[in-house]
Amino acid sequence: MFTLAQARHLMATLRPRVDELIRLRADLAELRADLAGPGVSRLGGRAEVKALEARLHAVIEDLHQVDVQVKGIAPVLLDFPGERDGRPVLWCWLEGDTDVGWYHRVECGFAGRRPV
């Protein structure tokens, strides 16, 4: 369980890994598109697809190891389990956010997001 302050601090420390995830996602999408079309890419071939997939999964596993829930990678959506007013919540960070500034009750999901 994270307090809001802990979630914000952890997000700040995880930012380089999240930025890597975003770069890997973009490279993988471009490489797959190139290989599906002309079959040639400046990013490599099938071996590089496998390597990028492995690196992407490793970054996601690193996030899971610190109890961050990865809810999506396009866009990146991270949830940090916590509590607010005695109820279980998930503190939310969505790609493009500057900080963990949202939360939702566990049972409400993304549709129930509210500003902190």
PDB file of N, CA and C in Angstrom:
ATOM      1  N   MET A   1       0.843  -1.182   0.000  1.00  0.00           N
ATOM      2  CA  MET A   1       0.000   0.000   0.000  1.00  0.00           C
ATOM      3  C   MET A   1       0.890   1.249   0.000  1.00  0.00           C
ATOM      4  N   PHE A   2       0.512   2.179  -0.832  1.00  0.00           N
ATOM      5  CA  PHE A   2       1.264   3.424  -0.950  1.00  0.00           C
ATOM      6  C   PHE A   2       0.413   4.584  -0.457  1.00  0.00           C
ATOM      7  N   THR A   3       1.037   5.517   0.246  1.00  0.00           N
ATOM      8  CA  THR A   3       0.394   6.812   0.459  1.00  0.00           C
ATOM      9  C   THR A   3       0.542   7.583  -0.848  1.00  0.00           C
ATOM     10  N   LEU A   4      -0.187   8.666  -0.979  1.00  0.00           N
ATOM     11  CA  LEU A   4      -0.045   9.490  -2.186  1.00  0.00           C
ATOM     12  C   LEU A   4       1.389   9.997  -2.308  1.00  0.00           C
ATOM     13  N   ALA A   5       1.969  10.437  -1.205  1.00  0.00           N
ATOM     14  CA  ALA A   5       3.349  10.944  -1.234  1.00  0.00           C
ATOM     15  C   ALA A   5       4.322   9.847  -1.674  1.00  0.00           C
ATOM     16  N   GLN A   6       4.127   8.625  -1.187  1.00  0.00           N
ATOM     17  CA  GLN A   6       4.994   7.515  -1.592  1.00  0.00           C
ATOM     18  C   GLN A   6       4.826   7.192  -3.073  1.00  0.00           C
ATOM     19  N   ALA A   7       3.585   7.209  -3.553  1.00  0.00           N
ATOM     20  CA  ALA A   7       3.336   6.941  -4.974  1.00  0.00           C
ATOM     21  C   ALA A   7       4.011   8.004  -5.837  1.00  0.00           C
ATOM     22  N   ARG A   8       3.915   9.245  -5.424  1.00  0.00           N
ATOM     23  CA  ARG A   8       4.540  10.324  -6.184  1.00  0.00           C
ATOM     24  C   ARG A   8       6.064  10.186  -6.187  1.00  0.00           C
ATOM     25  N   HIS A   9       6.630   9.871  -5.049  1.00  0.00           N
ATOM     26  CA  HIS A   9       8.084   9.701  -4.962  1.00  0.00           C
ATOM     27  C   HIS A   9       8.536   8.521  -5.824  1.00  0.00           C
ATOM     28  N   LEU A  10       7.831   7.403  -5.716  1.00  0.00           N
ATOM     29  CA  LEU A  10       8.197   6.232  -6.501  1.00  0.00           C
ATOM     30  C   LEU A  10       8.079   6.524  -7.993  1.00  0.00           C
ATOM     31  N   MET A  11       7.020   7.216  -8.385  1.00  0.00           N
ATOM     32  CA  MET A  11       6.850   7.549  -9.807  1.00  0.00           C
ATOM     33  C   MET A  11       8.033   8.373 -10.308  1.00  0.00           C
ATOM     34  N   ALA A  12       8.485   9.309  -9.489  1.00  0.00           N
ATOM     35  CA  ALA A  12       9.634  10.134  -9.880  1.00  0.00           C
ATOM     36  C   ALA A  12      10.889   9.274 -10.057  1.00  0.00           C
ATOM     37  N   THR A  13      11.079   8.284  -9.192  1.00  0.00           N
ATOM     38  CA  THR A  13      12.259   7.436  -9.319  1.00  0.00           C
ATOM     39  C   THR A  13      12.127   6.452 -10.478  1.00  0.00           C
ATOM     40  N   LEU A  14      10.891   6.086 -10.814  1.00  0.00           N
ATOM     41  CA  LEU A  14      10.654   5.143 -11.911  1.00  0.00           C
ATOM     42  C   LEU A  14      10.638   5.810 -13.284  1.00  0.00           C
ATOM     43  N   ARG A  15      10.644   7.107 -13.317  1.00  0.00           N
ATOM     44  CA  ARG A  15      10.484   7.833 -14.580  1.00  0.00           C
ATOM     45  C   ARG A  15      11.462   7.383 -15.672  1.00  0.00           C
ATOM     46  N   PRO A  16      12.744   7.164 -15.366  1.00  0.00           N
ATOM     47  CA  PRO A  16      13.651   6.689 -16.426  1.00  0.00           C
ATOM     48  C   PRO A  16      13.219   5.335 -17.008  1.00  0.00           C
ATOM     49  N   ARG A  17      12.718   4.429 -16.171  1.00  0.00           N
ATOM     50  CA  ARG A  17      12.252   3.129 -16.662  1.00  0.00           C
ATOM     51  C   ARG A  17      10.994   3.292 -17.510  1.00  0.00           C
ATOM     52  N   VAL A  18      10.103   4.186 -17.096  1.00  0.00           N
ATOM     53  CA  VAL A  18       8.883   4.440 -17.872  1.00  0.00           C
ATOM     54  C   VAL A  18       9.241   5.066 -19.212  1.00  0.00           C
ATOM     55  N   ASP A  19      10.185   5.994 -19.205  1.00  0.00           N
ATOM     56  CA  ASP A  19      10.631   6.590 -20.468  1.00  0.00           C
ATOM     57  C   ASP A  19      11.242   5.526 -21.380  1.00  0.00           C
ATOM     58  N   GLU A  20      11.976   4.580 -20.789  1.00  0.00           N
ATOM     59  CA  GLU A  20      12.527   3.475 -21.581  1.00  0.00           C
ATOM     60  C   GLU A  20      11.404   2.625 -22.165  1.00  0.00           C
ATOM     61  N   LEU A  21      10.384   2.362 -21.372  1.00  0.00           N
ATOM     62  CA  LEU A  21       9.226   1.594 -21.843  1.00  0.00           C
ATOM     63  C   LEU A  21       8.583   2.276 -23.047  1.00  0.00           C
ATOM     64  N   ILE A  22       8.441   3.576 -22.987  1.00  0.00           N
ATOM     65  CA  ILE A  22       7.833   4.339 -24.076  1.00  0.00           C
ATOM     66  C   ILE A  22       8.703   4.252 -25.335  1.00  0.00           C
ATOM     67  N   ARG A  23      10.018   4.370 -25.182  1.00  0.00           N
ATOM     68  CA  ARG A  23      10.933   4.251 -26.332  1.00  0.00           C
ATOM     69  C   ARG A  23      10.878   2.848 -26.934  1.00  0.00           C
ATOM     70  N   LEU A  24      10.895   1.837 -26.080  1.00  0.00           N
ATOM     71  CA  LEU A  24      10.831   0.459 -26.563  1.00  0.00           C
ATOM     72  C   LEU A  24       9.534   0.196 -27.308  1.00  0.00           C
ATOM     73  N   ARG A  25       8.429   0.679 -26.753  1.00  0.00           N
ATOM     74  CA  ARG A  25       7.117   0.513 -27.387  1.00  0.00           C
ATOM     75  C   ARG A  25       7.115   1.131 -28.781  1.00  0.00           C
ATOM     76  N   ALA A  26       7.666   2.339 -28.908  1.00  0.00           N
ATOM     77  CA  ALA A  26       7.699   3.029 -30.203  1.00  0.00           C
ATOM     78  C   ALA A  26       8.604   2.297 -31.195  1.00  0.00           C
ATOM     79  N   ASP A  27       9.779   1.871 -30.731  1.00  0.00           N
ATOM     80  CA  ASP A  27      10.690   1.139 -31.615  1.00  0.00           C
ATOM     81  C   ASP A  27      10.058  -0.168 -32.090  1.00  0.00           C
ATOM     82  N   LEU A  28       9.404  -0.861 -31.179  1.00  0.00           N
ATOM     83  CA  LEU A  28       8.775  -2.133 -31.528  1.00  0.00           C
ATOM     84  C   LEU A  28       7.644  -1.927 -32.528  1.00  0.00           C
ATOM     85  N   ALA A  29       6.840  -0.902 -32.329  1.00  0.00           N
ATOM     86  CA  ALA A  29       5.746  -0.616 -33.271  1.00  0.00           C
ATOM     87  C   ALA A  29       6.295  -0.284 -34.652  1.00  0.00           C
ATOM     88  N   GLU A  30       7.338   0.546 -34.700  1.00  0.00           N
ATOM     89  CA  GLU A  30       7.932   0.920 -35.988  1.00  0.00           C
ATOM     90  C   GLU A  30       8.558  -0.288 -36.673  1.00  0.00           C
ATOM     91  N   LEU A  31       9.286  -1.084 -35.913  1.00  0.00           N
ATOM     92  CA  LEU A  31       9.935  -2.255 -36.487  1.00  0.00           C
ATOM     93  C   LEU A  31       8.902  -3.245 -37.023  1.00  0.00           C
ATOM     94  N   ARG A  32       7.859  -3.494 -36.273  1.00  0.00           N
ATOM     95  CA  ARG A  32       6.807  -4.412 -36.744  1.00  0.00           C
ATOM     96  C   ARG A  32       6.131  -3.878 -38.007  1.00  0.00           C
ATOM     97  N   ALA A  33       5.874  -2.574 -38.049  1.00  0.00           N
ATOM     98  CA  ALA A  33       5.239  -1.985 -39.235  1.00  0.00           C
ATOM     99  C   ALA A  33       6.155  -2.106 -40.450  1.00  0.00           C
ATOM    100  N   ASP A  34       7.442  -1.836 -40.266  1.00  0.00           N
ATOM    101  CA  ASP A  34       8.396  -1.948 -41.372  1.00  0.00           C
ATOM    102  C   ASP A  34       8.477  -3.378 -41.888  1.00  0.00           C
ATOM    103  N   LEU A  35       8.527  -4.333 -40.991  1.00  0.00           N
ATOM    104  CA  LEU A  35       8.675  -5.725 -41.400  1.00  0.00           C
ATOM    105  C   LEU A  35       7.393  -6.261 -42.037  1.00  0.00           C
ATOM    106  N   ALA A  36       6.252  -5.698 -41.648  1.00  0.00           N
ATOM    107  CA  ALA A  36       4.983  -6.112 -42.260  1.00  0.00           C
ATOM    108  C   ALA A  36       4.822  -5.503 -43.645  1.00  0.00           C
ATOM    109  N   GLY A  37       5.452  -4.350 -43.868  1.00  0.00           N
ATOM    110  CA  GLY A  37       5.348  -3.667 -45.165  1.00  0.00           C
ATOM    111  C   GLY A  37       6.482  -4.080 -46.076  1.00  0.00           C
ATOM    112  N   PRO A  38       7.463  -3.195 -46.238  1.00  0.00           N
ATOM    113  CA  PRO A  38       8.549  -3.491 -47.171  1.00  0.00           C
ATOM    114  C   PRO A  38       9.489  -4.599 -46.706  1.00  0.00           C
ATOM    115  N   GLY A  39       9.428  -4.967 -45.426  1.00  0.00           N
ATOM    116  CA  GLY A  39      10.266  -6.050 -44.929  1.00  0.00           C
ATOM    117  C   GLY A  39      11.673  -5.632 -44.547  1.00  0.00           C
ATOM    118  N   VAL A  40      11.943  -4.325 -44.583  1.00  0.00           N
ATOM    119  CA  VAL A  40      13.261  -3.799 -44.237  1.00  0.00           C
ATOM    120  C   VAL A  40      13.067  -2.663 -43.241  1.00  0.00           C
ATOM    121  N   SER A  41      13.930  -2.622 -42.213  1.00  0.00           N
ATOM    122  CA  SER A  41      13.830  -1.558 -41.219  1.00  0.00           C
ATOM    123  C   SER A  41      15.217  -1.139 -40.768  1.00  0.00           C
ATOM    124  N   ARG A  42      15.360   0.129 -40.516  1.00  0.00           N
ATOM    125  CA  ARG A  42      16.622   0.640 -39.962  1.00  0.00           C
ATOM    126  C   ARG A  42      16.844   0.090 -38.559  1.00  0.00           C
ATOM    127  N   LEU A  43      15.769  -0.420 -37.931  1.00  0.00           N
ATOM    128  CA  LEU A  43      15.852  -0.942 -36.572  1.00  0.00           C
ATOM    129  C   LEU A  43      16.232  -2.414 -36.512  1.00  0.00           C
ATOM    130  N   GLY A  44      16.284  -3.082 -37.671  1.00  0.00           N
ATOM    131  CA  GLY A  44      16.694  -4.480 -37.675  1.00  0.00           C
ATOM    132  C   GLY A  44      15.667  -5.396 -38.295  1.00  0.00           C
ATOM    133  N   GLY A  45      15.672  -6.626 -37.798  1.00  0.00           N
ATOM    134  CA  GLY A  45      14.786  -7.654 -38.334  1.00  0.00           C
ATOM    135  C   GLY A  45      14.090  -8.418 -37.229  1.00  0.00           C
ATOM    136  N   ARG A  46      13.772  -9.658 -37.507  1.00  0.00           N
ATOM    137  CA  ARG A  46      13.019 -10.495 -36.551  1.00  0.00           C
ATOM    138  C   ARG A  46      13.748 -10.659 -35.215  1.00  0.00           C
ATOM    139  N   ALA A  47      15.054 -10.813 -35.266  1.00  0.00           N
ATOM    140  CA  ALA A  47      15.821 -10.970 -34.020  1.00  0.00           C
ATOM    141  C   ALA A  47      15.677  -9.733 -33.134  1.00  0.00           C
ATOM    142  N   GLU A  48      15.661  -8.562 -33.764  1.00  0.00           N
ATOM    143  CA  GLU A  48      15.517  -7.324 -33.003  1.00  0.00           C
ATOM    144  C   GLU A  48      14.108  -7.192 -32.425  1.00  0.00           C
ATOM    145  N   VAL A  49      13.106  -7.713 -33.133  1.00  0.00           N
ATOM    146  CA  VAL A  49      11.740  -7.735 -32.588  1.00  0.00           C
ATOM    147  C   VAL A  49      11.748  -8.508 -31.282  1.00  0.00           C
ATOM    148  N   LYS A  50      12.332  -9.693 -31.293  1.00  0.00           N
ATOM    149  CA  LYS A  50      12.378 -10.541 -30.093  1.00  0.00           C
ATOM    150  C   LYS A  50      13.147  -9.850 -28.966  1.00  0.00           C
ATOM    151  N   ALA A  51      14.245  -9.187 -29.315  1.00  0.00           N
ATOM    152  CA  ALA A  51      15.041  -8.494 -28.299  1.00  0.00           C
ATOM    153  C   ALA A  51      14.258  -7.332 -27.688  1.00  0.00           C
ATOM    154  N   LEU A  52      13.577  -6.560 -28.524  1.00  0.00           N
ATOM    155  CA  LEU A  52      12.767  -5.447 -28.021  1.00  0.00           C
ATOM    156  C   LEU A  52      11.630  -5.948 -27.141  1.00  0.00           C
ATOM    157  N   GLU A  53      10.979  -7.037 -27.568  1.00  0.00           N
ATOM    158  CA  GLU A  53       9.898  -7.617 -26.759  1.00  0.00           C
ATOM    159  C   GLU A  53      10.427  -8.057 -25.397  1.00  0.00           C
ATOM    160  N   ALA A  54      11.593  -8.679 -25.379  1.00  0.00           N
ATOM    161  CA  ALA A  54      12.182  -9.138 -24.121  1.00  0.00           C
ATOM    162  C   ALA A  54      12.518  -7.966 -23.214  1.00  0.00           C
ATOM    163  N   ARG A  55      13.081  -6.911 -23.776  1.00  0.00           N
ATOM    164  CA  ARG A  55      13.415  -5.723 -22.971  1.00  0.00           C
ATOM    165  C   ARG A  55      12.155  -5.059 -22.442  1.00  0.00           C
ATOM    166  N   LEU A  56      11.113  -4.978 -23.270  1.00  0.00           N
ATOM    167  CA  LEU A  56       9.848  -4.375 -22.849  1.00  0.00           C
ATOM    168  C   LEU A  56       9.249  -5.166 -21.684  1.00  0.00           C
ATOM    169  N   HIS A  57       9.239  -6.481 -21.794  1.00  0.00           N
ATOM    170  CA  HIS A  57       8.706  -7.320 -20.713  1.00  0.00           C
ATOM    171  C   HIS A  57       9.551  -7.201 -19.450  1.00  0.00           C
ATOM    172  N   ALA A  58      10.862  -7.033 -19.597  1.00  0.00           N
ATOM    173  CA  ALA A  58      11.738  -6.867 -18.433  1.00  0.00           C
ATOM    174  C   ALA A  58      11.420  -5.568 -17.696  1.00  0.00           C
ATOM    175  N   VAL A  59      11.176  -4.504 -18.426  1.00  0.00           N
ATOM    176  CA  VAL A  59      10.818  -3.229 -17.788  1.00  0.00           C
ATOM    177  C   VAL A  59       9.489  -3.377 -17.049  1.00  0.00           C
ATOM    178  N   ILE A  60       8.525  -4.017 -17.670  1.00  0.00           N
ATOM    179  CA  ILE A  60       7.229  -4.230 -17.018  1.00  0.00           C
ATOM    180  C   ILE A  60       7.413  -5.061 -15.755  1.00  0.00           C
ATOM    181  N   GLU A  61       8.232  -6.088 -15.819  1.00  0.00           N
ATOM    182  CA  GLU A  61       8.493  -6.923 -14.638  1.00  0.00           C
ATOM    183  C   GLU A  61       9.164  -6.111 -13.533  1.00  0.00           C
ATOM    184  N   ASP A  62      10.085  -5.217 -13.900  1.00  0.00           N
ATOM    185  CA  ASP A  62      10.712  -4.336 -12.905  1.00  0.00           C
ATOM    186  C   ASP A  62       9.656  -3.508 -12.179  1.00  0.00           C
ATOM    187  N   LEU A  63       8.673  -3.013 -12.912  1.00  0.00           N
ATOM    188  CA  LEU A  63       7.603  -2.219 -12.296  1.00  0.00           C
ATOM    189  C   LEU A  63       6.757  -3.092 -11.373  1.00  0.00           C
ATOM    190  N   HIS A  64       6.460  -4.303 -11.801  1.00  0.00           N
ATOM    191  CA  HIS A  64       5.686  -5.217 -10.952  1.00  0.00           C
ATOM    192  C   HIS A  64       6.441  -5.544  -9.668  1.00  0.00           C
ATOM    193  N   GLN A  65       7.759  -5.612  -9.734  1.00  0.00           N
ATOM    194  CA  GLN A  65       8.570  -5.962  -8.562  1.00  0.00           C
ATOM    195  C   GLN A  65       8.446  -4.936  -7.436  1.00  0.00           C
ATOM    196  N   VAL A  66       8.094  -3.712  -7.769  1.00  0.00           N
ATOM    197  CA  VAL A  66       7.913  -2.678  -6.740  1.00  0.00           C
ATOM    198  C   VAL A  66       6.423  -2.416  -6.485  1.00  0.00           C
ATOM    199  N   ASP A  67       5.589  -3.403  -6.848  1.00  0.00           N
ATOM    200  CA  ASP A  67       4.141  -3.390  -6.582  1.00  0.00           C
ATOM    201  C   ASP A  67       3.363  -2.336  -7.352  1.00  0.00           C
ATOM    202  N   VAL A  68       3.915  -1.905  -8.482  1.00  0.00           N
ATOM    203  CA  VAL A  68       3.178  -1.001  -9.370  1.00  0.00           C
ATOM    204  C   VAL A  68       2.389  -1.863 -10.349  1.00  0.00           C
ATOM    205  N   GLN A  69       1.129  -1.521 -10.538  1.00  0.00           N
ATOM    206  CA  GLN A  69       0.285  -2.247 -11.483  1.00  0.00           C
ATOM    207  C   GLN A  69       0.363  -1.560 -12.842  1.00  0.00           C
ATOM    208  N   VAL A  70       0.792  -2.301 -13.844  1.00  0.00           N
ATOM    209  CA  VAL A  70       0.859  -1.773 -15.212  1.00  0.00           C
ATOM    210  C   VAL A  70      -0.465  -2.136 -15.869  1.00  0.00           C
ATOM    211  N   LYS A  71      -1.317  -1.136 -16.092  1.00  0.00           N
ATOM    212  CA  LYS A  71      -2.644  -1.375 -16.649  1.00  0.00           C
ATOM    213  C   LYS A  71      -2.673  -1.211 -18.165  1.00  0.00           C
ATOM    214  N   GLY A  72      -1.655  -0.569 -18.721  1.00  0.00           N
ATOM    215  CA  GLY A  72      -1.585  -0.387 -20.167  1.00  0.00           C
ATOM    216  C   GLY A  72      -0.222   0.130 -20.561  1.00  0.00           C
ATOM    217  N   ILE A  73       0.142  -0.115 -21.830  1.00  0.00           N
ATOM    218  CA  ILE A  73       1.423   0.418 -22.308  1.00  0.00           C
ATOM    219  C   ILE A  73       1.249   1.365 -23.488  1.00  0.00           C
ATOM    220  N   ALA A  74       0.043   1.502 -24.014  1.00  0.00           N
ATOM    221  CA  ALA A  74      -0.196   2.422 -25.133  1.00  0.00           C
ATOM    222  C   ALA A  74      -1.555   3.079 -24.949  1.00  0.00           C
ATOM    223  N   PRO A  75      -1.663   4.104 -24.178  1.00  0.00           N
ATOM    224  CA  PRO A  75      -0.619   4.792 -23.429  1.00  0.00           C
ATOM    225  C   PRO A  75      -0.265   4.040 -22.140  1.00  0.00           C
ATOM    226  N   VAL A  76       0.882   4.410 -21.562  1.00  0.00           N
ATOM    227  CA  VAL A  76       1.297   3.805 -20.300  1.00  0.00           C
ATOM    228  C   VAL A  76       0.338   4.276 -19.207  1.00  0.00           C
ATOM    229  N   LEU A  77      -0.191   3.317 -18.470  1.00  0.00           N
ATOM    230  CA  LEU A  77      -1.097   3.596 -17.356  1.00  0.00           C
ATOM    231  C   LEU A  77      -0.616   2.777 -16.169  1.00  0.00           C
ATOM    232  N   LEU A  78      -0.242   3.470 -15.102  1.00  0.00           N
ATOM    233  CA  LEU A  78       0.266   2.818 -13.895  1.00  0.00           C
ATOM    234  C   LEU A  78      -0.647   3.114 -12.721  1.00  0.00           C
ATOM    235  N   ASP A  79      -0.879   2.099 -11.896  1.00  0.00           N
ATOM    236  CA  ASP A  79      -1.668   2.251 -10.674  1.00  0.00           C
ATOM    237  C   ASP A  79      -0.823   1.836  -9.483  1.00  0.00           C
ATOM    238  N   PHE A  80      -0.975   2.585  -8.402  1.00  0.00           N
ATOM    239  CA  PHE A  80      -0.271   2.352  -7.155  1.00  0.00           C
ATOM    240  C   PHE A  80      -1.322   2.079  -6.082  1.00  0.00           C
ATOM    241  N   PRO A  81      -1.420   0.861  -5.559  1.00  0.00           N
ATOM    242  CA  PRO A  81      -2.438   0.563  -4.549  1.00  0.00           C
ATOM    243  C   PRO A  81      -2.264   1.430  -3.303  1.00  0.00           C
ATOM    244  N   GLY A  82      -3.377   1.949  -2.804  1.00  0.00           N
ATOM    245  CA  GLY A  82      -3.331   2.781  -1.611  1.00  0.00           C
ATOM    246  C   GLY A  82      -4.673   2.814  -0.921  1.00  0.00           C
ATOM    247  N   GLU A  83      -4.819   3.803  -0.083  1.00  0.00           N
ATOM    248  CA  GLU A  83      -6.059   3.977   0.671  1.00  0.00           C
ATOM    249  C   GLU A  83      -6.364   5.462   0.787  1.00  0.00           C
ATOM    250  N   ARG A  84      -7.631   5.792   0.672  1.00  0.00           N
ATOM    251  CA  ARG A  84      -8.087   7.177   0.827  1.00  0.00           C
ATOM    252  C   ARG A  84      -9.410   7.131   1.567  1.00  0.00           C
ATOM    253  N   ASP A  85      -9.497   7.886   2.639  1.00  0.00           N
ATOM    254  CA  ASP A  85     -10.712   7.944   3.457  1.00  0.00           C
ATOM    255  C   ASP A  85     -11.187   6.550   3.863  1.00  0.00           C
ATOM    256  N   GLY A  86     -10.246   5.670   4.185  1.00  0.00           N
ATOM    257  CA  GLY A  86     -10.577   4.332   4.646  1.00  0.00           C
ATOM    258  C   GLY A  86     -10.980   3.344   3.565  1.00  0.00           C
ATOM    259  N   ARG A  87     -10.916   3.750   2.307  1.00  0.00           N
ATOM    260  CA  ARG A  87     -11.285   2.854   1.198  1.00  0.00           C
ATOM    261  C   ARG A  87     -10.052   2.527   0.367  1.00  0.00           C
ATOM    262  N   PRO A  88     -10.001   1.294  -0.159  1.00  0.00           N
ATOM    263  CA  PRO A  88      -8.898   0.979  -1.062  1.00  0.00           C
ATOM    264  C   PRO A  88      -9.042   1.756  -2.375  1.00  0.00           C
ATOM    265  N   VAL A  89      -7.949   2.364  -2.785  1.00  0.00           N
ATOM    266  CA  VAL A  89      -7.929   3.121  -4.039  1.00  0.00           C
ATOM    267  C   VAL A  89      -6.681   2.757  -4.820  1.00  0.00           C
ATOM    268  N   LEU A  90      -6.654   3.214  -6.044  1.00  0.00           N
ATOM    269  CA  LEU A  90      -5.459   3.127  -6.861  1.00  0.00           C
ATOM    270  C   LEU A  90      -5.072   4.552  -7.257  1.00  0.00           C
ATOM    271  N   TRP A  91      -3.880   4.962  -6.847  1.00  0.00           N
ATOM    272  CA  TRP A  91      -3.334   6.242  -7.292  1.00  0.00           C
ATOM    273  C   TRP A  91      -2.900   6.041  -8.730  1.00  0.00           C
ATOM    274  N   CYS A  92      -3.274   6.943  -9.625  1.00  0.00           N
ATOM    275  CA  CYS A  92      -3.080   6.726 -11.065  1.00  0.00           C
ATOM    276  C   CYS A  92      -2.079   7.689 -11.681  1.00  0.00           C
ATOM    277  N   TRP A  93      -1.288   7.146 -12.583  1.00  0.00           N
ATOM    278  CA  TRP A  93      -0.432   7.952 -13.447  1.00  0.00           C
ATOM    279  C   TRP A  93      -0.674   7.492 -14.871  1.00  0.00           C
ATOM    280  N   LEU A  94      -0.989   8.431 -15.742  1.00  0.00           N
ATOM    281  CA  LEU A  94      -1.236   8.165 -17.155  1.00  0.00           C
ATOM    282  C   LEU A  94      -0.177   8.898 -17.970  1.00  0.00           C
ATOM    283  N   GLU A  95       0.354   8.228 -18.974  1.00  0.00           N
ATOM    284  CA  GLU A  95       1.363   8.841 -19.837  1.00  0.00           C
ATOM    285  C   GLU A  95       0.925  10.244 -20.223  1.00  0.00           C
ATOM    286  N   GLY A  96       1.821  11.194 -20.020  1.00  0.00           N
ATOM    287  CA  GLY A  96       1.510  12.597 -20.280  1.00  0.00           C
ATOM    288  C   GLY A  96       1.293  13.380 -18.991  1.00  0.00           C
ATOM    289  N   ASP A  97       0.940  12.684 -17.906  1.00  0.00           N
ATOM    290  CA  ASP A  97       0.777  13.351 -16.617  1.00  0.00           C
ATOM    291  C   ASP A  97       2.143  13.777 -16.101  1.00  0.00           C
ATOM    292  N   THR A  98       2.188  14.896 -15.405  1.00  0.00           N
ATOM    293  CA  THR A  98       3.442  15.350 -14.821  1.00  0.00           C
ATOM    294  C   THR A  98       3.659  14.763 -13.433  1.00  0.00           C
ATOM    295  N   ASP A  99       2.586  14.254 -12.824  1.00  0.00           N
ATOM    296  CA  ASP A  99       2.652  13.749 -11.463  1.00  0.00           C
ATOM    297  C   ASP A  99       1.517  12.752 -11.258  1.00  0.00           C
ATOM    298  N   VAL A 100       1.555  12.042 -10.155  1.00  0.00           N
ATOM    299  CA  VAL A 100       0.430  11.187  -9.772  1.00  0.00           C
ATOM    300  C   VAL A 100      -0.625  12.134  -9.210  1.00  0.00           C
ATOM    301  N   GLY A 101      -1.607  12.452 -10.016  1.00  0.00           N
ATOM    302  CA  GLY A 101      -2.596  13.447  -9.618  1.00  0.00           C
ATOM    303  C   GLY A 101      -4.027  12.943  -9.664  1.00  0.00           C
ATOM    304  N   TRP A 102      -4.200  11.636  -9.832  1.00  0.00           N
ATOM    305  CA  TRP A 102      -5.525  11.042  -9.949  1.00  0.00           C
ATOM    306  C   TRP A 102      -5.618   9.798  -9.074  1.00  0.00           C
ATOM    307  N   TYR A 103      -6.820   9.423  -8.773  1.00  0.00           N
ATOM    308  CA  TYR A 103      -7.065   8.170  -8.061  1.00  0.00           C
ATOM    309  C   TYR A 103      -8.440   7.659  -8.463  1.00  0.00           C
ATOM    310  N   HIS A 104      -8.685   6.398  -8.177  1.00  0.00           N
ATOM    311  CA  HIS A 104     -10.034   5.859  -8.306  1.00  0.00           C
ATOM    312  C   HIS A 104     -10.196   4.724  -7.318  1.00  0.00           C
ATOM    313  N   ARG A 105     -11.406   4.521  -6.884  1.00  0.00           N
ATOM    314  CA  ARG A 105     -11.692   3.379  -6.029  1.00  0.00           C
ATOM    315  C   ARG A 105     -11.408   2.120  -6.831  1.00  0.00           C
ATOM    316  N   VAL A 106     -10.972   1.100  -6.156  1.00  0.00           N
ATOM    317  CA  VAL A 106     -10.577  -0.141  -6.819  1.00  0.00           C
ATOM    318  C   VAL A 106     -11.715  -0.694  -7.672  1.00  0.00           C
ATOM    319  N   GLU A 107     -12.918  -0.682  -7.127  1.00  0.00           N
ATOM    320  CA  GLU A 107     -14.044  -1.296  -7.838  1.00  0.00           C
ATOM    321  C   GLU A 107     -14.590  -0.433  -8.973  1.00  0.00           C
ATOM    322  N   CYS A 108     -14.158   0.808  -9.074  1.00  0.00           N
ATOM    323  CA  CYS A 108     -14.689   1.707 -10.112  1.00  0.00           C
ATOM    324  C   CYS A 108     -13.852   1.721 -11.386  1.00  0.00           C
ATOM    325  N   GLY A 109     -12.607   1.329 -11.303  1.00  0.00           N
ATOM    326  CA  GLY A 109     -11.750   1.314 -12.484  1.00  0.00           C
ATOM    327  C   GLY A 109     -11.465   2.704 -13.032  1.00  0.00           C
ATOM    328  N   PHE A 110     -10.868   2.725 -14.214  1.00  0.00           N
ATOM    329  CA  PHE A 110     -10.429   3.962 -14.847  1.00  0.00           C
ATOM    330  C   PHE A 110     -11.571   4.967 -15.007  1.00  0.00           C
ATOM    331  N   ALA A 111     -12.766   4.464 -15.272  1.00  0.00           N
ATOM    332  CA  ALA A 111     -13.920   5.361 -15.462  1.00  0.00           C
ATOM    333  C   ALA A 111     -14.230   6.168 -14.211  1.00  0.00           C
ATOM    334  N   GLY A 112     -13.783   5.690 -13.059  1.00  0.00           N
ATOM    335  CA  GLY A 112     -14.045   6.389 -11.808  1.00  0.00           C
ATOM    336  C   GLY A 112     -12.907   7.303 -11.372  1.00  0.00           C
ATOM    337  N   ARG A 113     -11.978   7.598 -12.279  1.00  0.00           N
ATOM    338  CA  ARG A 113     -10.833   8.471 -11.925  1.00  0.00           C
ATOM    339  C   ARG A 113     -11.304   9.848 -11.493  1.00  0.00           C
ATOM    340  N   ARG A 114     -10.651  10.314 -10.450  1.00  0.00           N
ATOM    341  CA  ARG A 114     -10.915  11.657  -9.933  1.00  0.00           C
ATOM    342  C   ARG A 114      -9.565  12.342  -9.639  1.00  0.00           C
ATOM    343  N   PRO A 115      -9.553  13.657  -9.749  1.00  0.00           N
ATOM    344  CA  PRO A 115      -8.319  14.353  -9.356  1.00  0.00           C
ATOM    345  C   PRO A 115      -8.109  14.227  -7.834  1.00  0.00           C
ATOM    346  N   VAL A 116      -6.865  14.186  -7.438  1.00  0.00           N
ATOM    347  CA  VAL A 116      -6.538  14.074  -6.007  1.00  0.00           C
ATOM    348  C   VAL A 116      -7.006  15.305  -5.278  1.00  0.00           C
TER     349      VAL A 116
END
